[in-house]
Amino acid sequence: MAACVACQQPLVLELEPDEDEDVEMGTSSSGKAPAAAPQTVPDDLHLNCGCHFHWQCLLEAYQVTECPNCGKNIATISSNGTQQVFCDLHNEGGLQKKLDILPLLTEESYLKAYPEDRKCRAFLEFCREGDVRAIISMLQDDGEDEDGEHDDEDMEEGQLQGRTIGPDELLRYQDPIGDMQSGLHAAVQAGSREVAWLLLLLASNLDLMQFPAEVFQEAETLGIMRGDVEGKTDIRSLKDADGKSAEDLAKELGGVWAGWEGTGRLTL
């Protein structure tokens, strides 16, 4: 079996078993649950230059157009002139041939330089998924556990270099490697009116008379309501890298956004 050219270890990854699995296996004569053996899964990223890496090893040594091991050019140009980095990726999900990993590498490279943006990008992902409760959880999370201590992971993601990522910044974040889309753009793209109403409630000065009664009922259930938005950027004013507002995007998509045009719900 080929080894990772970076660490010289076999191209596999050991996954530790869940604690629940140990419980299901029962107990030994000593009264203790026997430790389940780690599960081994493939972790082989085969670049077009011929070099094999673990995924994490490639991320740690990543260079945009060259293999960090042999120095060969690993980028190709697509028919529309954009760069691509193809590989064969074999992991626990199976084998994927000719997979373009450049978007993933670009994102990880950016987050390595700006780790504080991980929380913001997770927030945008929840907007794309239409996960209202996860969005609310992130906005209400102050990074402390039940004992009042800050969680290490939250410190890494949201409070680095003395800067805390607060709710206002999350709500108005624009993705620098995702065409400068905001959470409202992401919600529109995903066709999630529930998330759009939530973001408008919390980060715009849209007249409250425009909101359906069920929006307020849901907000009350979740324990949220609009705070002071005076002097803060209205999320409807944010435009993506192409100069499009969320309403411009809604006009293009149609569908669930029919009837929103011209109401001022998605634009100032």
C-alpha atoms as a PDB file:
ATOM      1  CA  MET A   1       0.000   0.000   0.000  1.00  0.00           C
ATOM      2  CA  ALA A   2       1.233   3.493  -0.852  1.00  0.00           C
ATOM      3  CA  ALA A   3       2.054   5.797   2.039  1.00  0.00           C
ATOM      4  CA  CYS A   4       1.389   9.491   2.520  1.00  0.00           C
ATOM      5  CA  VAL A   5       4.326  11.388   1.025  1.00  0.00           C
ATOM      6  CA  ALA A   6       4.147  13.957   3.829  1.00  0.00           C
ATOM      7  CA  CYS A   7       4.152  11.771   6.959  1.00  0.00           C
ATOM      8  CA  GLN A   8       5.125   8.388   5.466  1.00  0.00           C
ATOM      9  CA  GLN A   9       2.234   6.696   7.281  1.00  0.00           C
ATOM     10  CA  PRO A  10      -0.321   4.297   5.708  1.00  0.00           C
ATOM     11  CA  LEU A  11      -3.186   5.996   3.882  1.00  0.00           C
ATOM     12  CA  VAL A  12      -5.818   5.165   6.471  1.00  0.00           C
ATOM     13  CA  LEU A  13      -7.526   6.985   9.306  1.00  0.00           C
ATOM     14  CA  GLU A  14      -8.449   5.466  12.660  1.00  0.00           C
ATOM     15  CA  LEU A  15     -11.868   6.491  13.993  1.00  0.00           C
ATOM     16  CA  GLU A  16     -12.373   6.134  17.724  1.00  0.00           C
ATOM     17  CA  PRO A  17     -15.615   4.307  18.633  1.00  0.00           C
ATOM     18  CA  ASP A  18     -18.450   6.187  20.290  1.00  0.00           C
ATOM     19  CA  GLU A  19     -18.966   5.672  24.014  1.00  0.00           C
ATOM     20  CA  ASP A  20     -22.455   4.329  23.248  1.00  0.00           C
ATOM     21  CA  GLU A  21     -20.891   1.505  21.259  1.00  0.00           C
ATOM     22  CA  ASP A  22     -18.854   0.447  24.301  1.00  0.00           C
ATOM     23  CA  VAL A  23     -22.018   0.325  26.398  1.00  0.00           C
ATOM     24  CA  GLU A  24     -23.834  -1.840  23.856  1.00  0.00           C
ATOM     25  CA  MET A  25     -20.995  -4.382  23.918  1.00  0.00           C
ATOM     26  CA  GLY A  26     -21.681  -5.133  27.596  1.00  0.00           C
ATOM     27  CA  THR A  27     -19.148  -5.570  30.392  1.00  0.00           C
ATOM     28  CA  SER A  28     -16.286  -7.959  31.073  1.00  0.00           C
ATOM     29  CA  SER A  29     -15.772 -10.107  34.174  1.00  0.00           C
ATOM     30  CA  SER A  30     -14.045  -7.152  35.800  1.00  0.00           C
ATOM     31  CA  GLY A  31     -17.227  -5.133  35.509  1.00  0.00           C
ATOM     32  CA  LYS A  32     -15.783  -2.749  32.960  1.00  0.00           C
ATOM     33  CA  ALA A  33     -16.982  -2.353  29.409  1.00  0.00           C
ATOM     34  CA  PRO A  34     -14.381  -3.698  26.965  1.00  0.00           C
ATOM     35  CA  ALA A  35     -12.833  -1.020  24.800  1.00  0.00           C
ATOM     36  CA  ALA A  36     -13.983  -1.268  21.204  1.00  0.00           C
ATOM     37  CA  ALA A  37     -11.210  -1.386  18.639  1.00  0.00           C
ATOM     38  CA  PRO A  38     -10.758   1.757  16.526  1.00  0.00           C
ATOM     39  CA  GLN A  39     -12.323   1.555  13.087  1.00  0.00           C
ATOM     40  CA  THR A  40      -9.917   1.949  10.166  1.00  0.00           C
ATOM     41  CA  VAL A  41     -11.135   3.772   7.049  1.00  0.00           C
ATOM     42  CA  PRO A  42      -9.306   4.865   3.866  1.00  0.00           C
ATOM     43  CA  ASP A  43      -7.773   8.352   3.799  1.00  0.00           C
ATOM     44  CA  ASP A  44      -6.090   8.592   0.415  1.00  0.00           C
ATOM     45  CA  LEU A  45      -5.958  11.738  -1.707  1.00  0.00           C
ATOM     46  CA  HIS A  46      -4.215  10.905  -5.006  1.00  0.00           C
ATOM     47  CA  LEU A  47      -3.148  14.032  -6.916  1.00  0.00           C
ATOM     48  CA  ASN A  48      -2.766  14.096 -10.697  1.00  0.00           C
ATOM     49  CA  CYS A  49       1.019  14.343 -10.282  1.00  0.00           C
ATOM     50  CA  GLY A  50       1.019  10.854  -8.756  1.00  0.00           C
ATOM     51  CA  CYS A  51       1.605  11.812  -5.104  1.00  0.00           C
ATOM     52  CA  HIS A  52      -0.617  10.417  -2.327  1.00  0.00           C
ATOM     53  CA  PHE A  53      -1.539  12.424   0.777  1.00  0.00           C
ATOM     54  CA  HIS A  54      -3.725  12.158   3.812  1.00  0.00           C
ATOM     55  CA  TRP A  55      -6.361  14.906   3.521  1.00  0.00           C
ATOM     56  CA  GLN A  56      -5.092  16.712   6.627  1.00  0.00           C
ATOM     57  CA  CYS A  57      -1.457  16.382   5.547  1.00  0.00           C
ATOM     58  CA  LEU A  58      -2.278  18.052   2.228  1.00  0.00           C
ATOM     59  CA  LEU A  59      -4.097  20.882   3.994  1.00  0.00           C
ATOM     60  CA  GLU A  60      -1.110  21.520   6.240  1.00  0.00           C
ATOM     61  CA  ALA A  61       1.306  21.699   3.276  1.00  0.00           C
ATOM     62  CA  TYR A  62      -1.088  23.072   0.663  1.00  0.00           C
ATOM     63  CA  GLN A  63       0.111  25.269  -2.200  1.00  0.00           C
ATOM     64  CA  VAL A  64      -2.385  26.541  -4.771  1.00  0.00           C
ATOM     65  CA  THR A  65      -0.893  25.348  -8.059  1.00  0.00           C
ATOM     66  CA  GLU A  66       1.990  23.042  -7.095  1.00  0.00           C
ATOM     67  CA  CYS A  67       2.222  19.717  -5.337  1.00  0.00           C
ATOM     68  CA  PRO A  68       3.921  20.447  -2.000  1.00  0.00           C
ATOM     69  CA  ASN A  69       5.916  17.217  -2.387  1.00  0.00           C
ATOM     70  CA  CYS A  70       7.189  17.034  -5.979  1.00  0.00           C
ATOM     71  CA  GLY A  71       6.609  20.620  -7.079  1.00  0.00           C
ATOM     72  CA  LYS A  72       4.674  19.672 -10.229  1.00  0.00           C
ATOM     73  CA  ASN A  73       1.782  21.829 -11.386  1.00  0.00           C
ATOM     74  CA  ILE A  74      -1.469  20.210 -10.193  1.00  0.00           C
ATOM     75  CA  ALA A  75      -3.892  22.845 -11.506  1.00  0.00           C
ATOM     76  CA  THR A  76      -5.789  22.614 -14.789  1.00  0.00           C
ATOM     77  CA  ILE A  77      -7.917  25.177 -16.586  1.00  0.00           C
ATOM     78  CA  SER A  78     -11.587  24.449 -17.264  1.00  0.00           C
ATOM     79  CA  SER A  79     -13.429  25.344 -20.477  1.00  0.00           C
ATOM     80  CA  ASN A  80     -14.694  28.568 -18.873  1.00  0.00           C
ATOM     81  CA  GLY A  81     -11.189  29.632 -17.837  1.00  0.00           C
ATOM     82  CA  THR A  82     -11.332  28.796 -14.119  1.00  0.00           C
ATOM     83  CA  GLN A  83      -8.696  26.804 -12.268  1.00  0.00           C
ATOM     84  CA  GLN A  84      -9.356  23.284 -11.050  1.00  0.00           C
ATOM     85  CA  VAL A  85      -7.379  20.785  -8.978  1.00  0.00           C
ATOM     86  CA  PHE A  86      -8.506  17.234  -9.719  1.00  0.00           C
ATOM     87  CA  CYS A  87      -7.727  14.201  -7.603  1.00  0.00           C
ATOM     88  CA  ASP A  88      -9.004  10.730  -6.775  1.00  0.00           C
ATOM     89  CA  LEU A  89     -10.262  10.823  -3.193  1.00  0.00           C
ATOM     90  CA  HIS A  90     -10.783   7.573  -1.293  1.00  0.00           C
ATOM     91  CA  ASN A  91     -12.255   7.979   2.185  1.00  0.00           C
ATOM     92  CA  GLU A  92     -14.974   6.475   4.375  1.00  0.00           C
ATOM     93  CA  GLY A  93     -17.559   7.663   1.836  1.00  0.00           C
ATOM     94  CA  GLY A  94     -16.010   5.597  -0.951  1.00  0.00           C
ATOM     95  CA  LEU A  95     -13.910   6.427  -4.001  1.00  0.00           C
ATOM     96  CA  GLN A  96     -14.525   9.659  -5.906  1.00  0.00           C
ATOM     97  CA  LYS A  97     -12.615  10.024  -9.167  1.00  0.00           C
ATOM     98  CA  LYS A  98     -11.655  13.317 -10.794  1.00  0.00           C
ATOM     99  CA  LEU A  99     -12.946  15.358  -7.864  1.00  0.00           C
ATOM    100  CA  ASP A 100     -12.192  19.091  -8.023  1.00  0.00           C
ATOM    101  CA  ILE A 101     -10.905  19.918  -4.535  1.00  0.00           C
ATOM    102  CA  LEU A 102      -9.807  23.491  -5.289  1.00  0.00           C
ATOM    103  CA  PRO A 103     -12.907  25.058  -3.625  1.00  0.00           C
ATOM    104  CA  LEU A 104     -12.273  23.048  -0.443  1.00  0.00           C
ATOM    105  CA  LEU A 105      -8.553  23.830  -0.464  1.00  0.00           C
ATOM    106  CA  THR A 106      -9.247  27.526  -1.012  1.00  0.00           C
ATOM    107  CA  GLU A 107     -11.680  27.580   1.899  1.00  0.00           C
ATOM    108  CA  GLU A 108      -9.317  25.744   4.248  1.00  0.00           C
ATOM    109  CA  SER A 109      -6.409  27.962   3.212  1.00  0.00           C
ATOM    110  CA  TYR A 110      -8.492  31.049   3.978  1.00  0.00           C
ATOM    111  CA  LEU A 111      -9.651  29.701   7.335  1.00  0.00           C
ATOM    112  CA  LYS A 112      -6.087  28.851   8.284  1.00  0.00           C
ATOM    113  CA  ALA A 113      -5.240  32.519   7.820  1.00  0.00           C
ATOM    114  CA  TYR A 114      -8.495  33.760   9.405  1.00  0.00           C
ATOM    115  CA  PRO A 115      -9.625  31.075  11.889  1.00  0.00           C
ATOM    116  CA  GLU A 116     -12.052  33.487  13.567  1.00  0.00           C
ATOM    117  CA  ASP A 117     -14.217  33.294  10.413  1.00  0.00           C
ATOM    118  CA  ARG A 118     -15.048  29.619  11.011  1.00  0.00           C
ATOM    119  CA  LYS A 119     -17.967  30.593  13.240  1.00  0.00           C
ATOM    120  CA  CYS A 120     -19.295  33.065  10.662  1.00  0.00           C
ATOM    121  CA  ARG A 121     -19.077  30.545   7.844  1.00  0.00           C
ATOM    122  CA  ALA A 122     -20.833  27.933   9.988  1.00  0.00           C
ATOM    123  CA  PHE A 123     -23.598  30.491  10.519  1.00  0.00           C
ATOM    124  CA  LEU A 124     -23.956  30.959   6.744  1.00  0.00           C
ATOM    125  CA  GLU A 125     -24.112  27.196   6.268  1.00  0.00           C
ATOM    126  CA  PHE A 126     -27.029  26.997   8.716  1.00  0.00           C
ATOM    127  CA  CYS A 127     -28.745  29.761   6.711  1.00  0.00           C
ATOM    128  CA  ARG A 128     -28.279  27.697   3.551  1.00  0.00           C
ATOM    129  CA  GLU A 129     -29.660  24.604   5.286  1.00  0.00           C
ATOM    130  CA  GLY A 130     -32.690  26.454   6.657  1.00  0.00           C
ATOM    131  CA  ASP A 131     -31.792  25.400  10.207  1.00  0.00           C
ATOM    132  CA  VAL A 132     -33.529  28.087  12.271  1.00  0.00           C
ATOM    133  CA  ARG A 133     -32.828  26.529  15.655  1.00  0.00           C
ATOM    134  CA  ALA A 134     -29.103  26.196  14.922  1.00  0.00           C
ATOM    135  CA  ILE A 135     -29.015  29.846  13.840  1.00  0.00           C
ATOM    136  CA  ILE A 136     -30.697  30.936  17.065  1.00  0.00           C
ATOM    137  CA  SER A 137     -28.342  28.762  19.104  1.00  0.00           C
ATOM    138  CA  MET A 138     -25.304  30.451  17.544  1.00  0.00           C
ATOM    139  CA  LEU A 139     -26.732  33.917  18.116  1.00  0.00           C
ATOM    140  CA  GLN A 140     -27.510  33.171  21.755  1.00  0.00           C
ATOM    141  CA  ASP A 141     -24.251  31.313  22.477  1.00  0.00           C
ATOM    142  CA  ASP A 142     -21.911  33.386  24.630  1.00  0.00           C
ATOM    143  CA  GLY A 143     -19.114  30.793  24.552  1.00  0.00           C
ATOM    144  CA  GLU A 144     -19.546  29.776  28.203  1.00  0.00           C
ATOM    145  CA  ASP A 145     -20.393  26.406  29.677  1.00  0.00           C
ATOM    146  CA  GLU A 146     -22.685  25.757  32.629  1.00  0.00           C
ATOM    147  CA  ASP A 147     -19.921  26.598  35.114  1.00  0.00           C
ATOM    148  CA  GLY A 148     -19.330  29.985  33.521  1.00  0.00           C
ATOM    149  CA  GLU A 149     -16.102  28.892  31.864  1.00  0.00           C
ATOM    150  CA  HIS A 150     -15.396  29.653  28.215  1.00  0.00           C
ATOM    151  CA  ASP A 151     -15.445  26.618  25.955  1.00  0.00           C
ATOM    152  CA  ASP A 152     -12.060  26.057  24.275  1.00  0.00           C
ATOM    153  CA  GLU A 153     -13.586  25.412  20.848  1.00  0.00           C
ATOM    154  CA  ASP A 154     -15.684  28.585  21.022  1.00  0.00           C
ATOM    155  CA  MET A 155     -12.571  30.490  22.058  1.00  0.00           C
ATOM    156  CA  GLU A 156     -10.761  29.146  18.994  1.00  0.00           C
ATOM    157  CA  GLU A 157     -13.612  29.885  16.604  1.00  0.00           C
ATOM    158  CA  GLY A 158     -15.091  33.096  17.892  1.00  0.00           C
ATOM    159  CA  GLN A 159     -12.698  34.877  20.216  1.00  0.00           C
ATOM    160  CA  LEU A 160      -9.234  35.007  18.674  1.00  0.00           C
ATOM    161  CA  GLN A 161      -6.668  37.771  18.860  1.00  0.00           C
ATOM    162  CA  GLY A 162      -8.879  39.655  21.308  1.00  0.00           C
ATOM    163  CA  ARG A 163     -11.838  39.845  18.906  1.00  0.00           C
ATOM    164  CA  THR A 164     -15.198  38.390  19.818  1.00  0.00           C
ATOM    165  CA  ILE A 165     -17.617  37.393  17.062  1.00  0.00           C
ATOM    166  CA  GLY A 166     -20.933  38.704  18.347  1.00  0.00           C
ATOM    167  CA  PRO A 167     -24.506  38.335  17.045  1.00  0.00           C
ATOM    168  CA  ASP A 168     -24.441  41.595  15.069  1.00  0.00           C
ATOM    169  CA  GLU A 169     -21.336  40.500  13.154  1.00  0.00           C
ATOM    170  CA  LEU A 170     -22.750  37.047  12.491  1.00  0.00           C
ATOM    171  CA  LEU A 171     -25.990  38.478  11.139  1.00  0.00           C
ATOM    172  CA  ARG A 172     -24.219  40.876   8.780  1.00  0.00           C
ATOM    173  CA  TYR A 173     -21.266  38.706   7.769  1.00  0.00           C
ATOM    174  CA  GLN A 174     -20.425  38.512   4.059  1.00  0.00           C
ATOM    175  CA  ASP A 175     -18.463  35.551   2.769  1.00  0.00           C
ATOM    176  CA  PRO A 176     -15.194  36.776   1.171  1.00  0.00           C
ATOM    177  CA  ILE A 177     -14.621  33.465  -0.642  1.00  0.00           C
ATOM    178  CA  GLY A 178     -18.292  32.876  -1.445  1.00  0.00           C
ATOM    179  CA  ASP A 179     -19.085  35.846  -3.701  1.00  0.00           C
ATOM    180  CA  MET A 180     -19.642  38.103  -0.664  1.00  0.00           C
ATOM    181  CA  GLN A 181     -23.008  36.546   0.052  1.00  0.00           C
ATOM    182  CA  SER A 182     -24.748  37.425   3.317  1.00  0.00           C
ATOM    183  CA  GLY A 183     -26.974  35.178   5.388  1.00  0.00           C
ATOM    184  CA  LEU A 184     -29.979  36.726   3.634  1.00  0.00           C
ATOM    185  CA  HIS A 185     -28.508  35.897   0.228  1.00  0.00           C
ATOM    186  CA  ALA A 186     -27.881  32.335   1.449  1.00  0.00           C
ATOM    187  CA  ALA A 187     -31.464  31.985   2.696  1.00  0.00           C
ATOM    188  CA  VAL A 188     -32.860  33.263  -0.607  1.00  0.00           C
ATOM    189  CA  GLN A 189     -30.575  30.956  -2.599  1.00  0.00           C
ATOM    190  CA  ALA A 190     -31.829  28.012  -0.532  1.00  0.00           C
ATOM    191  CA  GLY A 191     -35.483  29.047  -0.842  1.00  0.00           C
ATOM    192  CA  SER A 192     -35.898  29.298   2.944  1.00  0.00           C
ATOM    193  CA  ARG A 193     -38.510  31.943   3.745  1.00  0.00           C
ATOM    194  CA  GLU A 194     -38.409  30.957   7.426  1.00  0.00           C
ATOM    195  CA  VAL A 195     -34.730  31.894   7.706  1.00  0.00           C
ATOM    196  CA  ALA A 196     -35.273  35.046   5.627  1.00  0.00           C
ATOM    197  CA  TRP A 197     -38.032  36.222   7.979  1.00  0.00           C
ATOM    198  CA  LEU A 198     -35.804  35.493  10.980  1.00  0.00           C
ATOM    199  CA  LEU A 199     -32.872  37.496   9.578  1.00  0.00           C
ATOM    200  CA  LEU A 200     -35.168  40.382   8.613  1.00  0.00           C
ATOM    201  CA  LEU A 201     -36.609  40.407  12.107  1.00  0.00           C
ATOM    202  CA  LEU A 202     -33.200  40.537  13.772  1.00  0.00           C
ATOM    203  CA  ALA A 203     -31.053  42.538  11.340  1.00  0.00           C
ATOM    204  CA  SER A 204     -33.253  44.962   9.428  1.00  0.00           C
ATOM    205  CA  ASN A 205     -35.528  47.895  10.162  1.00  0.00           C
ATOM    206  CA  LEU A 206     -38.335  46.459   8.024  1.00  0.00           C
ATOM    207  CA  ASP A 207     -41.670  47.688   9.380  1.00  0.00           C
ATOM    208  CA  LEU A 208     -42.907  45.111  11.883  1.00  0.00           C
ATOM    209  CA  MET A 209     -46.376  45.418  10.356  1.00  0.00           C
ATOM    210  CA  GLN A 210     -45.011  43.522   7.323  1.00  0.00           C
ATOM    211  CA  PHE A 211     -44.260  40.392   9.340  1.00  0.00           C
ATOM    212  CA  PRO A 212     -46.809  37.561   9.441  1.00  0.00           C
ATOM    213  CA  ALA A 213     -48.198  36.811  12.894  1.00  0.00           C
ATOM    214  CA  GLU A 214     -46.662  33.329  12.866  1.00  0.00           C
ATOM    215  CA  VAL A 215     -43.183  34.870  12.622  1.00  0.00           C
ATOM    216  CA  PHE A 216     -43.714  36.631  15.952  1.00  0.00           C
ATOM    217  CA  GLN A 217     -45.204  33.507  17.488  1.00  0.00           C
ATOM    218  CA  GLU A 218     -42.172  31.456  16.454  1.00  0.00           C
ATOM    219  CA  ALA A 219     -39.805  34.184  17.672  1.00  0.00           C
ATOM    220  CA  GLU A 220     -41.521  34.238  21.055  1.00  0.00           C
ATOM    221  CA  THR A 221     -41.243  30.454  21.310  1.00  0.00           C
ATOM    222  CA  LEU A 222     -37.518  30.637  20.542  1.00  0.00           C
ATOM    223  CA  GLY A 223     -36.999  33.507  22.977  1.00  0.00           C
ATOM    224  CA  ILE A 224     -35.848  36.122  20.490  1.00  0.00           C
ATOM    225  CA  MET A 225     -37.003  39.527  19.341  1.00  0.00           C
ATOM    226  CA  ARG A 226     -35.625  42.505  17.482  1.00  0.00           C
ATOM    227  CA  GLY A 227     -33.226  44.627  19.504  1.00  0.00           C
ATOM    228  CA  ASP A 228     -32.008  48.131  18.789  1.00  0.00           C
ATOM    229  CA  VAL A 229     -31.146  48.338  15.075  1.00  0.00           C
ATOM    230  CA  GLU A 230     -30.582  52.086  14.972  1.00  0.00           C
ATOM    231  CA  GLY A 231     -27.203  52.910  13.415  1.00  0.00           C
ATOM    232  CA  LYS A 232     -26.603  49.306  12.392  1.00  0.00           C
ATOM    233  CA  THR A 233     -26.339  48.067   8.804  1.00  0.00           C
ATOM    234  CA  ASP A 234     -29.680  46.900   7.484  1.00  0.00           C
ATOM    235  CA  ILE A 235     -29.103  43.402   6.103  1.00  0.00           C
ATOM    236  CA  ARG A 236     -31.273  44.256   3.079  1.00  0.00           C
ATOM    237  CA  SER A 237     -28.631  46.759   1.914  1.00  0.00           C
ATOM    238  CA  LEU A 238     -25.886  44.151   1.584  1.00  0.00           C
ATOM    239  CA  LYS A 239     -24.864  43.229  -1.953  1.00  0.00           C
ATOM    240  CA  ASP A 240     -22.826  40.313  -3.210  1.00  0.00           C
ATOM    241  CA  ALA A 241     -19.720  40.433  -5.395  1.00  0.00           C
ATOM    242  CA  ASP A 242     -21.905  40.927  -8.480  1.00  0.00           C
ATOM    243  CA  GLY A 243     -23.671  43.911  -6.916  1.00  0.00           C
ATOM    244  CA  LYS A 244     -26.889  41.957  -6.339  1.00  0.00           C
ATOM    245  CA  SER A 245     -29.116  42.438  -3.332  1.00  0.00           C
ATOM    246  CA  ALA A 246     -31.101  39.565  -1.862  1.00  0.00           C
ATOM    247  CA  GLU A 247     -34.141  40.847  -3.779  1.00  0.00           C
ATOM    248  CA  ASP A 248     -32.207  40.782  -7.074  1.00  0.00           C
ATOM    249  CA  LEU A 249     -31.416  37.142  -6.374  1.00  0.00           C
ATOM    250  CA  ALA A 250     -35.038  36.410  -5.445  1.00  0.00           C
ATOM    251  CA  LYS A 251     -36.228  37.909  -8.749  1.00  0.00           C
ATOM    252  CA  GLU A 252     -33.908  35.574 -10.655  1.00  0.00           C
ATOM    253  CA  LEU A 253     -34.985  32.499  -8.703  1.00  0.00           C
ATOM    254  CA  GLY A 254     -38.743  33.100  -8.508  1.00  0.00           C
ATOM    255  CA  GLY A 255     -40.559  30.140  -6.962  1.00  0.00           C
ATOM    256  CA  VAL A 256     -41.166  30.689  -3.257  1.00  0.00           C
ATOM    257  CA  TRP A 257     -40.194  34.342  -3.674  1.00  0.00           C
ATOM    258  CA  ALA A 258     -43.121  35.145  -5.959  1.00  0.00           C
ATOM    259  CA  GLY A 259     -45.030  38.046  -4.452  1.00  0.00           C
ATOM    260  CA  TRP A 260     -42.037  39.433  -2.530  1.00  0.00           C
ATOM    261  CA  GLU A 261     -40.898  41.722  -5.355  1.00  0.00           C
ATOM    262  CA  GLY A 262     -41.600  45.379  -4.712  1.00  0.00           C
ATOM    263  CA  THR A 263     -42.678  44.848  -1.091  1.00  0.00           C
ATOM    264  CA  GLY A 264     -39.404  46.128   0.360  1.00  0.00           C
ATOM    265  CA  ARG A 265     -38.953  42.905   2.286  1.00  0.00           C
ATOM    266  CA  LEU A 266     -35.612  42.072   0.664  1.00  0.00           C
ATOM    267  CA  THR A 267     -34.291  45.488  -0.361  1.00  0.00           C
ATOM    268  CA  LEU A 268     -34.310  49.063   0.869  1.00  0.00           C
END
